[in-house]
Amino acid sequence: MVFRGHSEYLHCIVTRNSANQVVTGSEDGTARIWDCRSGKCVQIIGLQKSKKVKRSSYAVRCIALDESES
């Protein structure tokens, strides 16, 4: 399955086994939660981009989940 949505390359991928989801973090400054059954993005988490901030300043470079995967 192909997950389409990020406009830049990925830095991290984490699975949420309890919810059958994948969470991705990208150079585009967003984290996305994907449903593995449909391949669709179910939530986008990100900051508003500013023209004054360098691209690398708002990249999502790491994602961690606690034991509850919440």
N, C-alpha and C. Protein backbone atom coordinates (compact mmCIF):
# COMPACT_ATOMS: atom_id res chain seq x y z
N MET A 1 0.85 -1.17 0.00
CA MET A 1 0.00 0.00 0.00
C MET A 1 0.90 1.24 0.00
N VAL A 2 0.48 2.26 -0.69
CA VAL A 2 1.22 3.52 -0.76
C VAL A 2 0.45 4.57 0.04
N PHE A 3 1.16 5.24 0.95
CA PHE A 3 0.57 6.31 1.75
C PHE A 3 1.03 7.63 1.15
N ARG A 4 0.12 8.42 0.60
CA ARG A 4 0.47 9.69 -0.04
C ARG A 4 -0.05 10.86 0.77
N GLY A 5 0.81 11.88 0.94
CA GLY A 5 0.35 13.06 1.66
C GLY A 5 1.47 14.02 2.03
N HIS A 6 2.61 13.51 2.48
CA HIS A 6 3.71 14.39 2.83
C HIS A 6 4.30 15.02 1.57
N SER A 7 4.72 16.28 1.70
CA SER A 7 5.31 16.98 0.55
C SER A 7 6.84 16.91 0.55
N GLU A 8 7.42 16.41 1.63
CA GLU A 8 8.88 16.26 1.73
C GLU A 8 9.19 14.85 2.24
N TYR A 9 10.47 14.53 2.36
CA TYR A 9 10.85 13.18 2.76
C TYR A 9 10.57 12.91 4.24
N LEU A 10 10.50 11.63 4.59
CA LEU A 10 10.19 11.20 5.95
C LEU A 10 11.45 11.11 6.80
N HIS A 11 11.28 11.43 8.08
CA HIS A 11 12.35 11.26 9.06
C HIS A 11 12.08 10.06 9.97
N CYS A 12 10.79 9.77 10.23
CA CYS A 12 10.49 8.71 11.18
C CYS A 12 9.14 8.07 10.89
N ILE A 13 9.05 6.80 11.27
CA ILE A 13 7.81 6.02 11.13
C ILE A 13 7.66 5.18 12.40
N VAL A 14 6.46 5.23 13.01
CA VAL A 14 6.17 4.46 14.22
C VAL A 14 4.83 3.76 14.01
N THR A 15 4.72 2.52 14.48
CA THR A 15 3.45 1.81 14.35
C THR A 15 2.66 1.88 15.65
N ARG A 16 1.35 1.99 15.51
CA ARG A 16 0.42 1.89 16.65
C ARG A 16 -0.33 0.59 16.44
N ASN A 17 0.21 -0.50 16.96
CA ASN A 17 -0.36 -1.82 16.73
C ASN A 17 -1.78 -1.94 17.29
N SER A 18 -2.05 -1.31 18.42
CA SER A 18 -3.37 -1.42 19.04
C SER A 18 -4.46 -0.78 18.19
N ALA A 19 -4.11 0.20 17.36
CA ALA A 19 -5.10 0.88 16.54
C ALA A 19 -4.92 0.59 15.06
N ASN A 20 -3.97 -0.29 14.71
CA ASN A 20 -3.68 -0.61 13.31
C ASN A 20 -3.38 0.66 12.52
N GLN A 21 -2.48 1.48 13.07
CA GLN A 21 -2.12 2.75 12.45
C GLN A 21 -0.61 2.90 12.37
N VAL A 22 -0.20 3.80 11.48
CA VAL A 22 1.20 4.19 11.35
C VAL A 22 1.25 5.70 11.55
N VAL A 23 2.28 6.16 12.28
CA VAL A 23 2.48 7.59 12.48
C VAL A 23 3.80 7.95 11.79
N THR A 24 3.77 8.99 10.95
CA THR A 24 4.96 9.40 10.21
C THR A 24 5.31 10.85 10.54
N GLY A 25 6.60 11.16 10.52
CA GLY A 25 7.08 12.52 10.71
C GLY A 25 7.92 12.91 9.51
N SER A 26 7.74 14.14 9.03
CA SER A 26 8.34 14.53 7.77
C SER A 26 9.09 15.87 7.84
N GLU A 27 9.94 16.07 6.86
CA GLU A 27 10.64 17.34 6.66
C GLU A 27 9.65 18.47 6.38
N ASP A 28 8.43 18.14 5.96
CA ASP A 28 7.44 19.17 5.65
C ASP A 28 6.82 19.81 6.89
N GLY A 29 7.25 19.36 8.08
CA GLY A 29 6.78 19.97 9.33
C GLY A 29 5.51 19.36 9.89
N THR A 30 5.08 18.24 9.34
CA THR A 30 3.87 17.60 9.84
C THR A 30 4.14 16.18 10.31
N ALA A 31 3.29 15.74 11.23
CA ALA A 31 3.19 14.33 11.60
C ALA A 31 1.81 13.90 11.11
N ARG A 32 1.72 12.73 10.58
CA ARG A 32 0.45 12.22 10.06
C ARG A 32 0.16 10.85 10.66
N ILE A 33 -1.11 10.62 10.95
CA ILE A 33 -1.57 9.33 11.42
C ILE A 33 -2.34 8.68 10.29
N TRP A 34 -1.94 7.45 9.94
CA TRP A 34 -2.50 6.73 8.80
C TRP A 34 -3.23 5.48 9.26
N ASP A 35 -4.36 5.21 8.65
CA ASP A 35 -5.10 3.97 8.87
C ASP A 35 -4.50 2.91 7.95
N CYS A 36 -3.99 1.82 8.50
CA CYS A 36 -3.35 0.78 7.71
C CYS A 36 -4.34 -0.02 6.86
N ARG A 37 -5.58 -0.04 7.24
CA ARG A 37 -6.58 -0.81 6.47
C ARG A 37 -6.94 -0.09 5.17
N SER A 38 -7.13 1.25 5.26
CA SER A 38 -7.57 2.01 4.08
C SER A 38 -6.42 2.73 3.37
N GLY A 39 -5.32 2.97 4.09
CA GLY A 39 -4.21 3.73 3.52
C GLY A 39 -4.43 5.23 3.54
N LYS A 40 -5.48 5.66 4.23
CA LYS A 40 -5.82 7.09 4.26
C LYS A 40 -5.27 7.75 5.52
N CYS A 41 -4.93 9.02 5.37
CA CYS A 41 -4.49 9.84 6.50
C CYS A 41 -5.72 10.21 7.33
N VAL A 42 -5.67 9.93 8.64
CA VAL A 42 -6.82 10.22 9.49
C VAL A 42 -6.60 11.47 10.34
N GLN A 43 -5.34 11.92 10.45
CA GLN A 43 -5.07 13.14 11.21
C GLN A 43 -3.72 13.72 10.79
N ILE A 44 -3.68 15.06 10.70
CA ILE A 44 -2.44 15.78 10.41
C ILE A 44 -2.14 16.67 11.61
N ILE A 45 -0.91 16.58 12.10
CA ILE A 45 -0.48 17.39 13.23
C ILE A 45 0.71 18.22 12.73
N GLY A 46 0.62 19.54 12.84
CA GLY A 46 1.73 20.35 12.35
C GLY A 46 1.62 21.79 12.80
N LEU A 47 2.71 22.51 12.59
CA LEU A 47 2.77 23.93 12.91
C LEU A 47 2.50 24.74 11.66
N GLN A 48 2.03 25.96 11.85
CA GLN A 48 1.88 26.85 10.72
C GLN A 48 3.26 27.29 10.27
N LYS A 49 3.49 27.26 8.97
CA LYS A 49 4.79 27.62 8.43
C LYS A 49 4.96 29.14 8.40
N SER A 50 6.15 29.58 8.68
CA SER A 50 6.50 30.99 8.63
C SER A 50 7.59 31.19 7.60
N LYS A 51 7.50 32.25 6.83
CA LYS A 51 8.51 32.53 5.82
C LYS A 51 9.86 32.86 6.45
N LYS A 52 9.86 33.25 7.73
CA LYS A 52 11.09 33.64 8.41
C LYS A 52 11.85 32.45 8.99
N VAL A 53 11.22 31.26 9.03
CA VAL A 53 11.82 30.08 9.65
C VAL A 53 12.38 29.15 8.57
N LYS A 54 13.59 28.67 8.77
CA LYS A 54 14.18 27.73 7.82
C LYS A 54 13.41 26.42 7.82
N ARG A 55 13.39 25.76 6.68
CA ARG A 55 12.67 24.49 6.53
C ARG A 55 13.10 23.48 7.59
N SER A 56 14.38 23.35 7.83
CA SER A 56 14.86 22.35 8.79
C SER A 56 14.46 22.68 10.22
N SER A 57 13.99 23.90 10.48
CA SER A 57 13.59 24.28 11.83
C SER A 57 12.25 23.69 12.23
N TYR A 58 11.41 23.35 11.27
CA TYR A 58 10.10 22.83 11.64
C TYR A 58 9.87 21.38 11.20
N ALA A 59 10.89 20.69 10.83
CA ALA A 59 10.76 19.28 10.46
C ALA A 59 10.43 18.43 11.69
N VAL A 60 9.62 17.40 11.49
CA VAL A 60 9.33 16.43 12.55
C VAL A 60 10.37 15.32 12.42
N ARG A 61 11.33 15.30 13.32
CA ARG A 61 12.46 14.38 13.21
C ARG A 61 12.33 13.11 14.05
N CYS A 62 11.43 13.11 15.04
CA CYS A 62 11.31 11.95 15.92
C CYS A 62 9.89 11.86 16.47
N ILE A 63 9.39 10.65 16.57
CA ILE A 63 8.06 10.39 17.16
C ILE A 63 8.24 9.26 18.16
N ALA A 64 7.65 9.41 19.33
CA ALA A 64 7.69 8.35 20.34
C ALA A 64 6.30 8.17 20.92
N LEU A 65 5.95 6.94 21.21
CA LEU A 65 4.66 6.62 21.83
C LEU A 65 4.92 5.99 23.19
N ASP A 66 4.01 6.23 24.12
CA ASP A 66 4.13 5.57 25.42
C ASP A 66 3.55 4.16 25.32
N GLU A 67 3.56 3.42 26.41
CA GLU A 67 3.09 2.04 26.38
C GLU A 67 1.63 1.90 25.95
N SER A 68 0.83 2.92 26.22
CA SER A 68 -0.58 2.85 25.81
C SER A 68 -0.76 3.20 24.34
N GLU A 69 0.32 3.60 23.67
CA GLU A 69 0.32 4.00 22.27
C GLU A 69 -0.62 5.18 22.01
N SER A 70 -0.80 6.01 23.01
CA SER A 70 -1.67 7.17 22.84
C SER A 70 -0.85 8.43 22.62
